[in-house]
Amino acid sequence: MMATEGLSYLIGKKEVLESIEPLVYGGTGSQSNLETMPETLPDKFEVGSINTTAIFSAIRSISYIRSRGVASIIEKKHRLAEHLRQGIKNIDGVRVIGDGSFCLVLADNDSNIDMSVLMFMLDYQYNIKARVGVQCSKMANDHYESYPGGIRFSMGYFNTDRQVDYLIESIKSAIKSC
């Protein structure tokens, strides 16, 4: 959403929402004179103060996304990830898979590169943050023979070609040290 964290949405029929008991209780937010959670909607689900910062952030992010267009945002993210995949595919010792804005760097089957060590080096030496290990889906890991895992990079709209080039060169350099 391009917004700060800490905001959730609950959509449902009024009669259903009224029948649901809150999971969390705490400050009564809009009705501080009560010792219990308010019964009115949406107050009964709002523990403590309303997160106005996150609400404002969500409103601005929706406005920004509309101004740029969802299709152009997706296209840029996919283009950057393809740039990354193309830049990594010829690096000795690793292979790359992925589609869309997703890219997973794996050690070649005949390589001795430890992805955890590589990620540590990318973090420590190049200030690159990413997720290392077995990724979300067991079936996908089985299909791509990606166990014990790899380094996952997901491109965001605010990433640049220059950052992707830096990442590619950093991976090349870090692999030489592995």
N, C-alpha and C. Protein backbone atom coordinates (compact mmCIF):
# COMPACT_ATOMS: atom_id res chain seq x y z
N MET A 1 0.81 -1.21 0.00
CA MET A 1 0.00 0.00 0.00
C MET A 1 0.84 1.26 0.00
N MET A 2 2.15 1.17 0.18
CA MET A 2 3.00 2.36 0.27
C MET A 2 2.62 3.22 1.47
N ALA A 3 2.14 2.61 2.52
CA ALA A 3 1.72 3.34 3.72
C ALA A 3 2.43 2.76 4.94
N THR A 4 2.36 3.49 6.05
CA THR A 4 2.95 2.97 7.28
C THR A 4 2.14 1.78 7.77
N GLU A 5 2.77 0.97 8.58
CA GLU A 5 2.09 -0.19 9.16
C GLU A 5 1.21 0.25 10.32
N GLY A 6 0.35 -0.65 10.74
CA GLY A 6 -0.44 -0.40 11.93
C GLY A 6 -1.88 -0.02 11.67
N LEU A 7 -2.35 -0.35 10.47
CA LEU A 7 -3.72 -0.02 10.13
C LEU A 7 -4.36 -1.24 9.52
N SER A 8 -5.54 -1.57 9.98
CA SER A 8 -6.25 -2.69 9.39
C SER A 8 -7.65 -2.24 9.04
N TYR A 9 -8.27 -3.00 8.19
CA TYR A 9 -9.62 -2.69 7.75
C TYR A 9 -10.51 -3.88 8.09
N LEU A 10 -11.69 -3.60 8.57
CA LEU A 10 -12.66 -4.64 8.88
C LEU A 10 -13.95 -4.28 8.16
N ILE A 11 -14.30 -5.10 7.21
CA ILE A 11 -15.50 -4.84 6.42
C ILE A 11 -16.46 -6.00 6.63
N GLY A 12 -17.68 -5.69 6.93
CA GLY A 12 -18.67 -6.74 7.12
C GLY A 12 -20.05 -6.15 7.34
N LYS A 13 -21.02 -7.01 7.32
CA LYS A 13 -22.39 -6.58 7.60
C LYS A 13 -22.49 -6.11 9.03
N LYS A 14 -23.22 -5.05 9.23
CA LYS A 14 -23.34 -4.43 10.55
C LYS A 14 -23.79 -5.44 11.60
N GLU A 15 -24.80 -6.25 11.26
CA GLU A 15 -25.30 -7.20 12.26
C GLU A 15 -24.26 -8.27 12.62
N VAL A 16 -23.42 -8.64 11.66
CA VAL A 16 -22.36 -9.61 11.95
C VAL A 16 -21.30 -8.97 12.84
N LEU A 17 -20.88 -7.75 12.47
CA LEU A 17 -19.86 -7.06 13.26
C LEU A 17 -20.33 -6.80 14.68
N GLU A 18 -21.61 -6.49 14.84
CA GLU A 18 -22.14 -6.24 16.17
C GLU A 18 -22.12 -7.50 17.03
N SER A 19 -22.19 -8.66 16.39
CA SER A 19 -22.22 -9.93 17.15
C SER A 19 -20.82 -10.44 17.51
N ILE A 20 -19.80 -9.89 16.92
CA ILE A 20 -18.42 -10.33 17.17
C ILE A 20 -17.88 -9.66 18.43
N GLU A 21 -17.25 -10.47 19.27
CA GLU A 21 -16.59 -9.94 20.46
C GLU A 21 -15.17 -9.53 20.09
N PRO A 22 -14.70 -8.40 20.58
CA PRO A 22 -13.31 -8.00 20.31
C PRO A 22 -12.32 -9.03 20.85
N LEU A 23 -11.20 -9.17 20.15
CA LEU A 23 -10.14 -10.08 20.60
C LEU A 23 -9.22 -9.40 21.60
N VAL A 24 -9.10 -8.10 21.49
CA VAL A 24 -8.19 -7.33 22.34
C VAL A 24 -8.98 -6.23 23.01
N TYR A 25 -8.72 -6.05 24.29
CA TYR A 25 -9.36 -4.98 25.05
C TYR A 25 -8.29 -4.05 25.57
N GLY A 26 -8.63 -2.82 25.71
CA GLY A 26 -7.66 -1.86 26.22
C GLY A 26 -8.32 -0.51 26.34
N GLY A 27 -7.55 0.53 26.22
CA GLY A 27 -8.10 1.88 26.29
C GLY A 27 -9.35 2.00 25.44
N THR A 28 -10.27 2.80 25.90
CA THR A 28 -11.57 2.88 25.23
C THR A 28 -11.65 3.93 24.14
N GLY A 29 -10.51 4.54 23.83
CA GLY A 29 -10.43 5.44 22.70
C GLY A 29 -11.43 6.58 22.73
N SER A 30 -12.50 6.48 21.97
CA SER A 30 -13.44 7.59 21.80
C SER A 30 -14.38 7.78 22.98
N GLN A 31 -14.46 6.79 23.87
CA GLN A 31 -15.38 6.90 25.01
C GLN A 31 -14.62 6.60 26.30
N SER A 32 -13.71 7.48 26.62
CA SER A 32 -12.82 7.27 27.77
C SER A 32 -13.52 7.29 29.11
N ASN A 33 -14.77 7.69 29.14
CA ASN A 33 -15.53 7.68 30.39
C ASN A 33 -15.98 6.26 30.75
N LEU A 34 -15.87 5.31 29.83
CA LEU A 34 -16.30 3.93 30.09
C LEU A 34 -15.16 3.11 30.68
N GLU A 35 -15.52 2.12 31.49
CA GLU A 35 -14.52 1.19 32.03
C GLU A 35 -14.39 -0.04 31.13
N THR A 36 -15.31 -0.20 30.20
CA THR A 36 -15.28 -1.34 29.27
C THR A 36 -15.24 -0.79 27.85
N MET A 37 -15.02 -1.67 26.91
CA MET A 37 -14.99 -1.27 25.50
C MET A 37 -16.38 -0.80 25.08
N PRO A 38 -16.45 0.22 24.23
CA PRO A 38 -17.75 0.68 23.72
C PRO A 38 -18.43 -0.42 22.92
N GLU A 39 -19.72 -0.39 22.82
CA GLU A 39 -20.47 -1.35 22.01
C GLU A 39 -20.70 -0.84 20.59
N THR A 40 -20.51 0.47 20.38
CA THR A 40 -20.78 1.04 19.07
C THR A 40 -19.67 0.69 18.08
N LEU A 41 -20.03 0.63 16.81
CA LEU A 41 -19.07 0.36 15.75
C LEU A 41 -18.54 1.67 15.20
N PRO A 42 -17.32 1.77 14.83
CA PRO A 42 -16.27 0.75 14.89
C PRO A 42 -15.51 0.76 16.21
N ASP A 43 -15.95 1.60 17.15
CA ASP A 43 -15.22 1.83 18.40
C ASP A 43 -14.93 0.54 19.18
N LYS A 44 -15.84 -0.45 19.11
CA LYS A 44 -15.65 -1.66 19.91
C LYS A 44 -14.40 -2.45 19.50
N PHE A 45 -13.87 -2.17 18.29
CA PHE A 45 -12.67 -2.86 17.82
C PHE A 45 -11.43 -1.97 17.85
N GLU A 46 -11.56 -0.74 18.31
CA GLU A 46 -10.44 0.19 18.33
C GLU A 46 -9.88 0.29 19.74
N VAL A 47 -8.82 -0.46 19.98
CA VAL A 47 -8.20 -0.48 21.29
C VAL A 47 -7.26 0.72 21.39
N GLY A 48 -7.56 1.62 22.27
CA GLY A 48 -6.70 2.79 22.46
C GLY A 48 -6.99 3.88 21.45
N SER A 49 -6.04 4.74 21.29
CA SER A 49 -6.20 5.89 20.40
C SER A 49 -6.24 5.45 18.95
N ILE A 50 -7.01 6.16 18.17
CA ILE A 50 -7.08 5.89 16.74
C ILE A 50 -5.72 6.22 16.13
N ASN A 51 -5.23 5.36 15.25
CA ASN A 51 -3.93 5.54 14.62
C ASN A 51 -4.07 6.51 13.45
N THR A 52 -4.19 7.79 13.77
CA THR A 52 -4.41 8.80 12.73
C THR A 52 -3.25 8.90 11.76
N THR A 53 -2.04 8.64 12.22
CA THR A 53 -0.89 8.68 11.31
C THR A 53 -1.03 7.62 10.23
N ALA A 54 -1.40 6.41 10.61
CA ALA A 54 -1.57 5.34 9.62
C ALA A 54 -2.76 5.61 8.71
N ILE A 55 -3.82 6.17 9.25
CA ILE A 55 -4.99 6.50 8.43
C ILE A 55 -4.60 7.54 7.38
N PHE A 56 -3.93 8.60 7.81
CA PHE A 56 -3.49 9.64 6.88
C PHE A 56 -2.55 9.04 5.84
N SER A 57 -1.63 8.19 6.28
CA SER A 57 -0.68 7.55 5.37
C SER A 57 -1.40 6.71 4.33
N ALA A 58 -2.40 5.95 4.74
CA ALA A 58 -3.17 5.12 3.80
C ALA A 58 -3.91 5.98 2.78
N ILE A 59 -4.51 7.06 3.25
CA ILE A 59 -5.22 7.97 2.34
C ILE A 59 -4.26 8.55 1.30
N ARG A 60 -3.10 9.00 1.77
CA ARG A 60 -2.12 9.58 0.85
C ARG A 60 -1.56 8.53 -0.10
N SER A 61 -1.35 7.32 0.38
CA SER A 61 -0.81 6.28 -0.50
C SER A 61 -1.82 5.90 -1.57
N ILE A 62 -3.08 5.82 -1.22
CA ILE A 62 -4.12 5.52 -2.22
C ILE A 62 -4.16 6.63 -3.27
N SER A 63 -4.07 7.87 -2.83
CA SER A 63 -4.05 9.00 -3.75
C SER A 63 -2.84 8.92 -4.67
N TYR A 64 -1.67 8.59 -4.11
CA TYR A 64 -0.45 8.49 -4.90
C TYR A 64 -0.55 7.36 -5.92
N ILE A 65 -1.05 6.20 -5.49
CA ILE A 65 -1.20 5.06 -6.39
C ILE A 65 -2.14 5.41 -7.54
N ARG A 66 -3.24 6.06 -7.23
CA ARG A 66 -4.18 6.48 -8.28
C ARG A 66 -3.52 7.46 -9.26
N SER A 67 -2.69 8.37 -8.74
CA SER A 67 -2.06 9.36 -9.62
C SER A 67 -1.05 8.73 -10.56
N ARG A 68 -0.37 7.68 -10.12
CA ARG A 68 0.62 7.00 -10.95
C ARG A 68 0.00 5.91 -11.83
N GLY A 69 -1.05 5.29 -11.31
CA GLY A 69 -1.69 4.20 -12.03
C GLY A 69 -1.12 2.86 -11.59
N VAL A 70 -1.99 1.96 -11.22
CA VAL A 70 -1.56 0.64 -10.74
C VAL A 70 -0.73 -0.08 -11.80
N ALA A 71 -1.16 -0.01 -13.05
CA ALA A 71 -0.45 -0.71 -14.13
C ALA A 71 0.97 -0.21 -14.28
N SER A 72 1.19 1.11 -14.20
CA SER A 72 2.55 1.63 -14.36
C SER A 72 3.42 1.28 -13.16
N ILE A 73 2.84 1.21 -11.98
CA ILE A 73 3.59 0.80 -10.78
C ILE A 73 4.03 -0.65 -10.92
N ILE A 74 3.13 -1.51 -11.31
CA ILE A 74 3.45 -2.92 -11.49
C ILE A 74 4.50 -3.10 -12.58
N GLU A 75 4.32 -2.38 -13.69
CA GLU A 75 5.26 -2.49 -14.82
C GLU A 75 6.67 -2.13 -14.38
N LYS A 76 6.81 -1.05 -13.62
CA LYS A 76 8.14 -0.64 -13.17
C LYS A 76 8.76 -1.68 -12.24
N LYS A 77 7.99 -2.19 -11.30
CA LYS A 77 8.51 -3.20 -10.38
C LYS A 77 8.95 -4.45 -11.15
N HIS A 78 8.16 -4.87 -12.13
CA HIS A 78 8.51 -6.06 -12.92
C HIS A 78 9.75 -5.80 -13.77
N ARG A 79 9.85 -4.60 -14.36
CA ARG A 79 11.01 -4.26 -15.17
C ARG A 79 12.28 -4.27 -14.34
N LEU A 80 12.23 -3.70 -13.14
CA LEU A 80 13.40 -3.69 -12.27
C LEU A 80 13.82 -5.10 -11.86
N ALA A 81 12.86 -5.94 -11.56
CA ALA A 81 13.18 -7.32 -11.18
C ALA A 81 13.76 -8.10 -12.36
N GLU A 82 13.25 -7.85 -13.55
CA GLU A 82 13.82 -8.50 -14.74
C GLU A 82 15.25 -8.02 -14.96
N HIS A 83 15.50 -6.75 -14.77
CA HIS A 83 16.86 -6.19 -14.83
C HIS A 83 17.76 -6.94 -13.85
N LEU A 84 17.28 -7.16 -12.64
CA LEU A 84 18.04 -7.88 -11.62
C LEU A 84 18.28 -9.32 -12.05
N ARG A 85 17.23 -10.00 -12.49
CA ARG A 85 17.39 -11.40 -12.91
C ARG A 85 18.41 -11.52 -14.05
N GLN A 86 18.32 -10.62 -15.04
CA GLN A 86 19.26 -10.66 -16.16
C GLN A 86 20.69 -10.39 -15.70
N GLY A 87 20.85 -9.51 -14.73
CA GLY A 87 22.18 -9.18 -14.23
C GLY A 87 22.80 -10.28 -13.39
N ILE A 88 21.97 -11.13 -12.80
CA ILE A 88 22.47 -12.19 -11.92
C ILE A 88 22.66 -13.51 -12.66
N LYS A 89 21.91 -13.72 -13.72
CA LYS A 89 21.86 -15.05 -14.35
C LYS A 89 23.20 -15.56 -14.84
N ASN A 90 24.16 -14.70 -15.12
CA ASN A 90 25.46 -15.16 -15.61
C ASN A 90 26.56 -15.12 -14.56
N ILE A 91 26.18 -14.93 -13.31
CA ILE A 91 27.18 -14.93 -12.24
C ILE A 91 27.48 -16.39 -11.87
N ASP A 92 28.75 -16.76 -11.90
CA ASP A 92 29.15 -18.13 -11.56
C ASP A 92 28.81 -18.44 -10.11
N GLY A 93 28.27 -19.62 -9.89
CA GLY A 93 28.00 -20.11 -8.54
C GLY A 93 26.57 -19.94 -8.08
N VAL A 94 25.79 -19.12 -8.79
CA VAL A 94 24.41 -18.91 -8.39
C VAL A 94 23.48 -19.09 -9.59
N ARG A 95 22.24 -19.30 -9.28
CA ARG A 95 21.19 -19.31 -10.29
C ARG A 95 20.07 -18.44 -9.76
N VAL A 96 19.22 -18.00 -10.64
CA VAL A 96 18.17 -17.08 -10.24
C VAL A 96 16.85 -17.54 -10.83
N ILE A 97 15.81 -17.44 -10.03
CA ILE A 97 14.46 -17.74 -10.49
C ILE A 97 13.56 -16.58 -10.07
N GLY A 98 12.40 -16.55 -10.64
CA GLY A 98 11.45 -15.52 -10.25
C GLY A 98 10.62 -15.05 -11.42
N ASP A 99 9.63 -14.28 -11.07
CA ASP A 99 8.72 -13.71 -12.05
C ASP A 99 8.14 -12.44 -11.44
N GLY A 100 7.66 -11.57 -12.27
CA GLY A 100 7.09 -10.34 -11.76
C GLY A 100 8.14 -9.54 -11.00
N SER A 101 7.80 -9.06 -9.82
CA SER A 101 8.73 -8.24 -9.04
C SER A 101 9.57 -9.07 -8.07
N PHE A 102 9.48 -10.38 -8.19
CA PHE A 102 10.14 -11.32 -7.27
C PHE A 102 11.38 -11.92 -7.91
N CYS A 103 12.43 -12.08 -7.13
CA CYS A 103 13.67 -12.66 -7.60
C CYS A 103 14.27 -13.48 -6.46
N LEU A 104 14.60 -14.73 -6.72
CA LEU A 104 15.22 -15.58 -5.71
C LEU A 104 16.57 -16.05 -6.23
N VAL A 105 17.62 -15.72 -5.49
CA VAL A 105 18.98 -16.10 -5.84
C VAL A 105 19.32 -17.36 -5.05
N LEU A 106 19.74 -18.40 -5.77
CA LEU A 106 20.06 -19.69 -5.17
C LEU A 106 21.48 -20.09 -5.52
N ALA A 107 22.08 -20.91 -4.69
CA ALA A 107 23.39 -21.47 -5.02
C ALA A 107 23.20 -22.52 -6.10
N ASP A 108 24.12 -22.54 -7.08
CA ASP A 108 24.11 -23.63 -8.06
C ASP A 108 24.27 -24.94 -7.33
N ASN A 109 23.72 -26.00 -7.90
CA ASN A 109 23.79 -27.31 -7.25
C ASN A 109 25.23 -27.77 -7.01
N ASP A 110 26.15 -27.36 -7.87
CA ASP A 110 27.55 -27.77 -7.71
C ASP A 110 28.40 -26.69 -7.03
N SER A 111 27.76 -25.69 -6.48
CA SER A 111 28.44 -24.57 -5.83
C SER A 111 28.54 -24.81 -4.32
N ASN A 112 29.57 -24.25 -3.73
CA ASN A 112 29.74 -24.31 -2.28
C ASN A 112 29.32 -23.03 -1.59
N ILE A 113 28.59 -22.17 -2.30
CA ILE A 113 28.19 -20.88 -1.72
C ILE A 113 27.07 -21.11 -0.71
N ASP A 114 27.27 -20.60 0.48
CA ASP A 114 26.25 -20.64 1.53
C ASP A 114 25.46 -19.34 1.44
N MET A 115 24.18 -19.44 1.16
CA MET A 115 23.35 -18.25 0.97
C MET A 115 23.28 -17.39 2.23
N SER A 116 23.35 -18.01 3.40
CA SER A 116 23.33 -17.23 4.65
C SER A 116 24.59 -16.39 4.78
N VAL A 117 25.71 -16.97 4.41
CA VAL A 117 26.98 -16.23 4.46
C VAL A 117 26.95 -15.10 3.43
N LEU A 118 26.46 -15.41 2.23
CA LEU A 118 26.37 -14.39 1.19
C LEU A 118 25.47 -13.24 1.65
N MET A 119 24.34 -13.55 2.26
CA MET A 119 23.44 -12.50 2.72
C MET A 119 24.08 -11.69 3.83
N PHE A 120 24.80 -12.36 4.73
CA PHE A 120 25.51 -11.63 5.79
C PHE A 120 26.49 -10.63 5.18
N MET A 121 27.22 -11.06 4.16
CA MET A 121 28.18 -10.17 3.51
C MET A 121 27.47 -9.01 2.80
N LEU A 122 26.36 -9.30 2.15
CA LEU A 122 25.61 -8.22 1.49
C LEU A 122 25.12 -7.21 2.51
N ASP A 123 24.70 -7.69 3.66
CA ASP A 123 24.23 -6.80 4.71
C ASP A 123 25.40 -6.03 5.32
N TYR A 124 26.41 -6.73 5.75
CA TYR A 124 27.52 -6.13 6.50
C TYR A 124 28.39 -5.21 5.64
N GLN A 125 28.73 -5.69 4.44
CA GLN A 125 29.68 -4.93 3.60
C GLN A 125 28.99 -3.91 2.68
N TYR A 126 27.73 -4.20 2.28
CA TYR A 126 27.11 -3.36 1.26
C TYR A 126 25.79 -2.71 1.72
N ASN A 127 25.42 -2.98 2.96
CA ASN A 127 24.19 -2.41 3.54
C ASN A 127 22.95 -2.77 2.72
N ILE A 128 22.91 -4.01 2.24
CA ILE A 128 21.77 -4.51 1.47
C ILE A 128 20.95 -5.42 2.38
N LYS A 129 19.67 -5.16 2.45
CA LYS A 129 18.78 -5.94 3.31
C LYS A 129 17.87 -6.79 2.43
N ALA A 130 17.75 -8.06 2.77
CA ALA A 130 16.87 -8.98 2.05
C ALA A 130 16.58 -10.16 2.96
N ARG A 131 15.73 -11.03 2.50
CA ARG A 131 15.35 -12.21 3.28
C ARG A 131 16.10 -13.42 2.76
N VAL A 132 16.71 -14.16 3.68
CA VAL A 132 17.45 -15.36 3.30
C VAL A 132 16.80 -16.57 3.96
N GLY A 133 16.85 -17.71 3.29
CA GLY A 133 16.32 -18.95 3.85
C GLY A 133 15.31 -19.57 2.91
N VAL A 134 14.58 -20.52 3.46
CA VAL A 134 13.54 -21.20 2.69
C VAL A 134 12.36 -20.23 2.60
N GLN A 135 11.88 -20.02 1.41
CA GLN A 135 10.81 -19.05 1.20
C GLN A 135 9.45 -19.70 1.42
N CYS A 136 8.43 -18.94 1.28
CA CYS A 136 7.07 -19.21 1.75
C CYS A 136 6.45 -20.57 1.45
N SER A 137 6.67 -21.12 0.29
CA SER A 137 5.89 -22.29 -0.13
C SER A 137 6.75 -23.54 -0.26
N LYS A 138 6.41 -24.57 0.49
CA LYS A 138 7.12 -25.85 0.41
C LYS A 138 7.07 -26.41 -1.01
N MET A 139 5.90 -26.33 -1.64
CA MET A 139 5.74 -26.86 -3.00
C MET A 139 6.62 -26.10 -3.99
N ALA A 140 6.72 -24.78 -3.84
CA ALA A 140 7.57 -23.99 -4.73
C ALA A 140 9.03 -24.35 -4.52
N ASN A 141 9.44 -24.51 -3.25
CA ASN A 141 10.82 -24.90 -2.97
C ASN A 141 11.13 -26.27 -3.55
N ASP A 142 10.18 -27.19 -3.47
CA ASP A 142 10.38 -28.52 -4.06
C ASP A 142 10.50 -28.41 -5.58
N HIS A 143 9.61 -27.63 -6.18
CA HIS A 143 9.60 -27.48 -7.64
C HIS A 143 10.92 -26.90 -8.15
N TYR A 144 11.43 -25.86 -7.51
CA TYR A 144 12.65 -25.21 -7.96
C TYR A 144 13.91 -25.80 -7.34
N GLU A 145 13.74 -26.86 -6.55
CA GLU A 145 14.87 -27.49 -5.87
C GLU A 145 15.71 -26.42 -5.16
N SER A 146 15.03 -25.61 -4.39
CA SER A 146 15.68 -24.46 -3.77
C SER A 146 16.05 -24.68 -2.31
N TYR A 147 15.85 -25.88 -1.78
CA TYR A 147 16.25 -26.14 -0.41
C TYR A 147 17.77 -26.23 -0.37
N PRO A 148 18.48 -25.64 0.54
CA PRO A 148 18.06 -25.07 1.81
C PRO A 148 17.67 -23.59 1.74
N GLY A 149 17.43 -23.09 0.59
CA GLY A 149 16.93 -21.73 0.50
C GLY A 149 17.85 -20.79 -0.25
N GLY A 150 17.37 -19.58 -0.40
CA GLY A 150 18.12 -18.58 -1.14
C GLY A 150 17.86 -17.20 -0.57
N ILE A 151 18.24 -16.21 -1.34
CA ILE A 151 18.05 -14.82 -0.94
C ILE A 151 16.94 -14.25 -1.81
N ARG A 152 15.92 -13.73 -1.16
CA ARG A 152 14.76 -13.20 -1.87
C ARG A 152 14.87 -11.68 -1.97
N PHE A 153 14.74 -11.21 -3.19
CA PHE A 153 14.68 -9.78 -3.45
C PHE A 153 13.34 -9.47 -4.10
N SER A 154 12.66 -8.49 -3.61
CA SER A 154 11.42 -8.03 -4.22
C SER A 154 11.58 -6.55 -4.52
N MET A 155 11.36 -6.20 -5.76
CA MET A 155 11.52 -4.82 -6.17
C MET A 155 10.31 -3.99 -5.77
N GLY A 156 10.58 -2.79 -5.34
CA GLY A 156 9.53 -1.84 -5.00
C GLY A 156 9.50 -0.71 -6.02
N TYR A 157 8.43 0.01 -6.04
CA TYR A 157 8.25 1.10 -7.00
C TYR A 157 9.32 2.18 -6.83
N PHE A 158 9.80 2.39 -5.63
CA PHE A 158 10.77 3.44 -5.40
C PHE A 158 12.22 2.98 -5.57
N ASN A 159 12.43 1.71 -5.91
CA ASN A 159 13.77 1.27 -6.27
C ASN A 159 14.13 1.86 -7.63
N THR A 160 15.44 1.92 -7.90
CA THR A 160 15.92 2.52 -9.15
C THR A 160 16.82 1.53 -9.89
N ASP A 161 17.05 1.80 -11.18
CA ASP A 161 17.99 0.99 -11.95
C ASP A 161 19.38 1.07 -11.34
N ARG A 162 19.74 2.22 -10.84
CA ARG A 162 21.06 2.39 -10.21
C ARG A 162 21.19 1.48 -8.99
N GLN A 163 20.15 1.37 -8.19
CA GLN A 163 20.18 0.48 -7.03
C GLN A 163 20.28 -0.98 -7.47
N VAL A 164 19.59 -1.34 -8.53
CA VAL A 164 19.66 -2.72 -9.04
C VAL A 164 21.08 -3.00 -9.52
N ASP A 165 21.69 -2.05 -10.25
CA ASP A 165 23.07 -2.23 -10.70
C ASP A 165 24.01 -2.40 -9.50
N TYR A 166 23.80 -1.61 -8.45
CA TYR A 166 24.60 -1.72 -7.23
C TYR A 166 24.43 -3.10 -6.61
N LEU A 167 23.21 -3.59 -6.57
CA LEU A 167 22.94 -4.92 -6.01
C LEU A 167 23.65 -6.00 -6.82
N ILE A 168 23.55 -5.93 -8.13
CA ILE A 168 24.21 -6.92 -9.00
C ILE A 168 25.72 -6.92 -8.75
N GLU A 169 26.33 -5.74 -8.75
CA GLU A 169 27.78 -5.64 -8.53
C GLU A 169 28.16 -6.10 -7.12
N SER A 170 27.32 -5.82 -6.15
CA SER A 170 27.57 -6.25 -4.77
C SER A 170 27.54 -7.77 -4.66
N ILE A 171 26.57 -8.38 -5.32
CA ILE A 171 26.48 -9.86 -5.31
C ILE A 171 27.73 -10.45 -5.93
N LYS A 172 28.14 -9.90 -7.09
CA LYS A 172 29.36 -10.40 -7.75
C LYS A 172 30.58 -10.30 -6.82
N SER A 173 30.72 -9.15 -6.20
CA SER A 173 31.86 -8.92 -5.31
C SER A 173 31.81 -9.81 -4.08
N ALA A 174 30.64 -9.94 -3.47
CA ALA A 174 30.51 -10.76 -2.26
C ALA A 174 30.77 -12.24 -2.56
N ILE A 175 30.34 -12.71 -3.72
CA ILE A 175 30.55 -14.12 -4.08
C ILE A 175 32.05 -14.42 -4.17
N LYS A 176 32.82 -13.48 -4.67
CA LYS A 176 34.27 -13.69 -4.77
C LYS A 176 34.89 -13.91 -3.40
N SER A 177 34.26 -13.36 -2.35
CA SER A 177 34.77 -13.49 -0.99
C SER A 177 34.25 -14.73 -0.27
N CYS A 178 33.24 -15.36 -0.83
CA CYS A 178 32.62 -16.53 -0.15
C CYS A 178 33.53 -17.74 -0.16
